[in-house]
Amino acid sequence: MTLVRLIVAALPQLLLLLAVGGALDLLGGWNHTDGAMGALLGLIILSPVATALLLGLEAVGAFRQRRRGVRPVTFRPGLAALLFAEALVIDGVLLTQMRM
C-alpha cells in the first residue's frame, strides 16, 4: 500500500513537470509529437481518478479502524484529501491553459 501511495502522490507532480517541460521546450522536441499529447491527456485523466481512489480507500480504512474501537490515523486520509485537491487544481490550471 505504501508503493501505491507513493505512485499516486507522484502523479500530479509528473503532470505538472510534463506541462512545464513542454512549455519551456525542455523535452528535446518530444512535446511536439502525438505521444506527448497522449501522455498529457492520460495524466490529466489518471491523476484525479487515482487520487480520488486513494482518498476513498483511506476513508474506508479510517472508518474500519473507528468501528473496531481503535483510534484512526487522521494523517493518511488528510494527505489523500490534499493530494486530491492538488490534482484537481493542477488539472484546472492546465485545462485553462490548453489552446485547441
N, C-alpha and C. Protein backbone atom coordinates (compact mmCIF):
# COMPACT_ATOMS: atom_id res chain seq x y z
N MET A 1 0.82 -1.20 0.00
CA MET A 1 0.00 0.00 0.00
C MET A 1 0.87 1.26 0.00
N THR A 2 2.05 1.16 0.59
CA THR A 2 2.94 2.31 0.61
C THR A 2 3.39 2.67 -0.80
N LEU A 3 3.65 1.66 -1.63
CA LEU A 3 4.05 1.92 -3.00
C LEU A 3 2.93 2.59 -3.79
N VAL A 4 1.70 2.17 -3.56
CA VAL A 4 0.55 2.79 -4.22
C VAL A 4 0.42 4.24 -3.79
N ARG A 5 0.62 4.52 -2.51
CA ARG A 5 0.56 5.90 -2.03
C ARG A 5 1.63 6.76 -2.69
N LEU A 6 2.83 6.22 -2.83
CA LEU A 6 3.92 6.99 -3.46
C LEU A 6 3.64 7.25 -4.93
N ILE A 7 3.11 6.26 -5.64
CA ILE A 7 2.80 6.43 -7.05
C ILE A 7 1.71 7.47 -7.23
N VAL A 8 0.67 7.38 -6.42
CA VAL A 8 -0.44 8.34 -6.52
C VAL A 8 0.04 9.74 -6.15
N ALA A 9 0.94 9.85 -5.19
CA ALA A 9 1.46 11.17 -4.82
C ALA A 9 2.34 11.75 -5.92
N ALA A 10 2.98 10.90 -6.72
CA ALA A 10 3.86 11.39 -7.79
C ALA A 10 3.10 11.78 -9.05
N LEU A 11 1.89 11.27 -9.25
CA LEU A 11 1.16 11.55 -10.50
C LEU A 11 0.91 13.04 -10.74
N PRO A 12 0.39 13.80 -9.78
CA PRO A 12 0.19 15.24 -10.07
C PRO A 12 1.50 15.98 -10.35
N GLN A 13 2.59 15.58 -9.68
CA GLN A 13 3.86 16.24 -9.93
C GLN A 13 4.39 15.89 -11.32
N LEU A 14 4.19 14.65 -11.76
CA LEU A 14 4.59 14.28 -13.12
C LEU A 14 3.82 15.07 -14.16
N LEU A 15 2.54 15.25 -13.91
CA LEU A 15 1.72 16.03 -14.82
C LEU A 15 2.21 17.47 -14.90
N LEU A 16 2.50 18.05 -13.76
CA LEU A 16 2.99 19.43 -13.73
C LEU A 16 4.36 19.56 -14.40
N LEU A 17 5.26 18.61 -14.12
CA LEU A 17 6.59 18.66 -14.73
C LEU A 17 6.52 18.47 -16.24
N LEU A 18 5.64 17.60 -16.71
CA LEU A 18 5.49 17.41 -18.15
C LEU A 18 4.96 18.67 -18.82
N ALA A 19 4.00 19.32 -18.20
CA ALA A 19 3.45 20.54 -18.78
C ALA A 19 4.47 21.68 -18.78
N VAL A 20 5.19 21.85 -17.69
CA VAL A 20 6.19 22.92 -17.61
C VAL A 20 7.35 22.62 -18.56
N GLY A 21 7.79 21.37 -18.60
CA GLY A 21 8.87 21.00 -19.51
C GLY A 21 8.49 21.20 -20.96
N GLY A 22 7.25 20.93 -21.31
CA GLY A 22 6.80 21.16 -22.68
C GLY A 22 6.67 22.64 -23.00
N ALA A 23 6.23 23.43 -22.04
CA ALA A 23 6.07 24.87 -22.28
C ALA A 23 7.43 25.56 -22.43
N LEU A 24 8.43 25.08 -21.71
CA LEU A 24 9.76 25.69 -21.78
C LEU A 24 10.67 24.99 -22.79
N ASP A 25 10.12 24.04 -23.54
CA ASP A 25 10.85 23.27 -24.56
C ASP A 25 12.08 22.58 -23.96
N LEU A 26 11.89 21.94 -22.83
CA LEU A 26 12.97 21.21 -22.17
C LEU A 26 12.94 19.72 -22.46
N LEU A 27 12.03 19.28 -23.30
CA LEU A 27 11.86 17.85 -23.55
C LEU A 27 12.52 17.40 -24.84
N GLY A 28 13.33 18.22 -25.46
CA GLY A 28 14.05 17.84 -26.65
C GLY A 28 13.17 17.60 -27.87
N GLY A 29 12.11 18.33 -28.01
CA GLY A 29 11.22 18.18 -29.14
C GLY A 29 10.14 17.14 -28.97
N TRP A 30 10.18 16.38 -27.88
CA TRP A 30 9.18 15.34 -27.65
C TRP A 30 7.80 15.95 -27.45
N ASN A 31 7.76 17.20 -26.97
CA ASN A 31 6.47 17.84 -26.72
C ASN A 31 5.74 18.21 -28.01
N HIS A 32 6.37 18.07 -29.17
CA HIS A 32 5.71 18.37 -30.44
C HIS A 32 5.15 17.12 -31.11
N THR A 33 5.18 15.99 -30.44
CA THR A 33 4.71 14.74 -31.03
C THR A 33 3.33 14.39 -30.50
N ASP A 34 2.70 13.41 -31.16
CA ASP A 34 1.40 12.94 -30.71
C ASP A 34 1.51 12.19 -29.38
N GLY A 35 2.64 11.55 -29.14
CA GLY A 35 2.83 10.82 -27.89
C GLY A 35 2.82 11.73 -26.68
N ALA A 36 3.34 12.93 -26.84
CA ALA A 36 3.34 13.88 -25.73
C ALA A 36 1.93 14.31 -25.36
N MET A 37 1.10 14.56 -26.37
CA MET A 37 -0.28 14.95 -26.09
C MET A 37 -1.05 13.79 -25.48
N GLY A 38 -0.77 12.58 -25.94
CA GLY A 38 -1.42 11.41 -25.35
C GLY A 38 -1.02 11.20 -23.90
N ALA A 39 0.27 11.40 -23.61
CA ALA A 39 0.73 11.27 -22.23
C ALA A 39 0.13 12.35 -21.35
N LEU A 40 0.04 13.57 -21.86
CA LEU A 40 -0.54 14.66 -21.10
C LEU A 40 -2.02 14.41 -20.82
N LEU A 41 -2.76 13.99 -21.83
CA LEU A 41 -4.19 13.70 -21.63
C LEU A 41 -4.39 12.51 -20.71
N GLY A 42 -3.53 11.50 -20.83
CA GLY A 42 -3.63 10.35 -19.94
C GLY A 42 -3.40 10.73 -18.49
N LEU A 43 -2.39 11.58 -18.25
CA LEU A 43 -2.12 12.02 -16.89
C LEU A 43 -3.22 12.95 -16.37
N ILE A 44 -3.80 13.76 -17.25
CA ILE A 44 -4.90 14.64 -16.82
C ILE A 44 -6.08 13.81 -16.34
N ILE A 45 -6.34 12.69 -17.01
CA ILE A 45 -7.45 11.83 -16.61
C ILE A 45 -7.07 10.95 -15.43
N LEU A 46 -5.87 10.37 -15.46
CA LEU A 46 -5.47 9.40 -14.44
C LEU A 46 -5.20 10.03 -13.08
N SER A 47 -4.66 11.23 -13.06
CA SER A 47 -4.25 11.85 -11.80
C SER A 47 -5.41 12.06 -10.83
N PRO A 48 -6.53 12.70 -11.21
CA PRO A 48 -7.61 12.85 -10.24
C PRO A 48 -8.33 11.54 -9.93
N VAL A 49 -8.39 10.63 -10.90
CA VAL A 49 -9.05 9.34 -10.64
C VAL A 49 -8.26 8.55 -9.61
N ALA A 50 -6.94 8.50 -9.77
CA ALA A 50 -6.11 7.75 -8.83
C ALA A 50 -6.13 8.38 -7.44
N THR A 51 -6.08 9.71 -7.36
CA THR A 51 -6.10 10.34 -6.05
C THR A 51 -7.47 10.21 -5.38
N ALA A 52 -8.55 10.23 -6.17
CA ALA A 52 -9.88 10.02 -5.60
C ALA A 52 -10.02 8.59 -5.08
N LEU A 53 -9.45 7.63 -5.81
CA LEU A 53 -9.48 6.24 -5.36
C LEU A 53 -8.69 6.08 -4.06
N LEU A 54 -7.53 6.73 -3.98
CA LEU A 54 -6.74 6.68 -2.75
C LEU A 54 -7.50 7.33 -1.59
N LEU A 55 -8.16 8.44 -1.85
CA LEU A 55 -8.95 9.10 -0.81
C LEU A 55 -10.06 8.18 -0.31
N GLY A 56 -10.73 7.50 -1.22
CA GLY A 56 -11.78 6.56 -0.82
C GLY A 56 -11.23 5.40 -0.01
N LEU A 57 -10.10 4.84 -0.43
CA LEU A 57 -9.51 3.73 0.31
C LEU A 57 -9.05 4.15 1.70
N GLU A 58 -8.47 5.33 1.80
CA GLU A 58 -8.03 5.81 3.12
C GLU A 58 -9.22 6.11 4.03
N ALA A 59 -10.30 6.63 3.46
CA ALA A 59 -11.50 6.89 4.26
C ALA A 59 -12.13 5.60 4.76
N VAL A 60 -12.17 4.58 3.90
CA VAL A 60 -12.71 3.28 4.31
C VAL A 60 -11.83 2.67 5.40
N GLY A 61 -10.52 2.79 5.26
CA GLY A 61 -9.61 2.27 6.29
C GLY A 61 -9.80 2.97 7.62
N ALA A 62 -9.97 4.29 7.61
CA ALA A 62 -10.19 5.03 8.85
C ALA A 62 -11.54 4.66 9.46
N PHE A 63 -12.55 4.46 8.61
CA PHE A 63 -13.87 4.06 9.11
C PHE A 63 -13.82 2.68 9.76
N ARG A 64 -13.08 1.76 9.15
CA ARG A 64 -12.95 0.41 9.74
C ARG A 64 -12.22 0.46 11.07
N GLN A 65 -11.19 1.29 11.17
CA GLN A 65 -10.47 1.41 12.44
C GLN A 65 -11.38 2.00 13.52
N ARG A 66 -12.20 2.94 13.14
CA ARG A 66 -13.11 3.54 14.11
C ARG A 66 -14.15 2.53 14.60
N ARG A 67 -14.64 1.69 13.69
CA ARG A 67 -15.63 0.67 14.08
C ARG A 67 -15.03 -0.38 15.00
N ARG A 68 -13.75 -0.66 14.86
CA ARG A 68 -13.08 -1.63 15.73
C ARG A 68 -12.77 -1.06 17.10
N GLY A 69 -12.91 0.22 17.25
CA GLY A 69 -12.62 0.85 18.53
C GLY A 69 -11.20 1.37 18.63
N VAL A 70 -10.44 1.24 17.56
CA VAL A 70 -9.07 1.75 17.53
C VAL A 70 -9.11 3.20 17.06
N ARG A 71 -8.29 4.02 17.66
CA ARG A 71 -8.26 5.42 17.24
C ARG A 71 -7.70 5.49 15.82
N PRO A 72 -8.47 6.02 14.86
CA PRO A 72 -8.00 6.03 13.47
C PRO A 72 -6.89 7.06 13.24
N VAL A 73 -6.05 6.74 12.29
CA VAL A 73 -4.99 7.65 11.88
C VAL A 73 -5.60 8.70 10.96
N THR A 74 -5.50 9.95 11.33
CA THR A 74 -6.11 11.01 10.52
C THR A 74 -5.13 11.62 9.52
N PHE A 75 -3.85 11.28 9.63
CA PHE A 75 -2.86 11.86 8.73
C PHE A 75 -3.04 11.35 7.31
N ARG A 76 -3.22 10.04 7.14
CA ARG A 76 -3.31 9.47 5.80
C ARG A 76 -4.55 9.93 5.03
N PRO A 77 -5.75 9.94 5.63
CA PRO A 77 -6.88 10.50 4.88
C PRO A 77 -6.72 11.99 4.59
N GLY A 78 -6.11 12.72 5.49
CA GLY A 78 -5.86 14.14 5.25
C GLY A 78 -4.88 14.36 4.11
N LEU A 79 -3.83 13.54 4.06
CA LEU A 79 -2.87 13.63 2.97
C LEU A 79 -3.52 13.24 1.64
N ALA A 80 -4.38 12.23 1.67
CA ALA A 80 -5.09 11.82 0.45
C ALA A 80 -6.02 12.93 -0.03
N ALA A 81 -6.68 13.62 0.89
CA ALA A 81 -7.54 14.74 0.51
C ALA A 81 -6.71 15.88 -0.07
N LEU A 82 -5.55 16.14 0.50
CA LEU A 82 -4.66 17.18 -0.03
C LEU A 82 -4.17 16.82 -1.43
N LEU A 83 -3.81 15.56 -1.65
CA LEU A 83 -3.38 15.13 -2.98
C LEU A 83 -4.50 15.24 -3.99
N PHE A 84 -5.73 14.91 -3.58
CA PHE A 84 -6.87 15.02 -4.48
C PHE A 84 -7.13 16.48 -4.85
N ALA A 85 -7.07 17.36 -3.87
CA ALA A 85 -7.25 18.79 -4.15
C ALA A 85 -6.14 19.31 -5.06
N GLU A 86 -4.91 18.86 -4.82
CA GLU A 86 -3.79 19.27 -5.66
C GLU A 86 -3.98 18.81 -7.10
N ALA A 87 -4.42 17.58 -7.28
CA ALA A 87 -4.64 17.05 -8.63
C ALA A 87 -5.73 17.83 -9.35
N LEU A 88 -6.79 18.18 -8.63
CA LEU A 88 -7.87 18.95 -9.25
C LEU A 88 -7.42 20.36 -9.63
N VAL A 89 -6.63 20.99 -8.78
CA VAL A 89 -6.15 22.34 -9.08
C VAL A 89 -5.19 22.32 -10.27
N ILE A 90 -4.28 21.35 -10.30
CA ILE A 90 -3.34 21.26 -11.42
C ILE A 90 -4.10 20.98 -12.71
N ASP A 91 -5.08 20.09 -12.68
CA ASP A 91 -5.89 19.83 -13.87
C ASP A 91 -6.64 21.08 -14.31
N GLY A 92 -7.19 21.80 -13.37
CA GLY A 92 -7.92 23.02 -13.72
C GLY A 92 -7.02 24.06 -14.36
N VAL A 93 -5.83 24.23 -13.82
CA VAL A 93 -4.88 25.19 -14.38
C VAL A 93 -4.46 24.77 -15.79
N LEU A 94 -4.15 23.49 -15.96
CA LEU A 94 -3.72 23.03 -17.28
C LEU A 94 -4.84 23.09 -18.30
N LEU A 95 -6.05 22.80 -17.89
CA LEU A 95 -7.17 22.87 -18.83
C LEU A 95 -7.47 24.30 -19.25
N THR A 96 -7.23 25.27 -18.36
CA THR A 96 -7.45 26.66 -18.76
C THR A 96 -6.34 27.16 -19.67
N GLN A 97 -5.17 26.52 -19.64
CA GLN A 97 -4.06 26.96 -20.48
C GLN A 97 -4.00 26.24 -21.82
N MET A 98 -4.78 25.20 -21.99
CA MET A 98 -4.75 24.46 -23.27
C MET A 98 -5.38 25.30 -24.36
N ARG A 99 -4.73 25.29 -25.48
CA ARG A 99 -5.26 26.00 -26.65
C ARG A 99 -5.61 24.97 -27.70
N MET A 100 -6.87 24.92 -28.03
CA MET A 100 -7.31 23.92 -29.01
C MET A 100 -7.40 24.56 -30.38
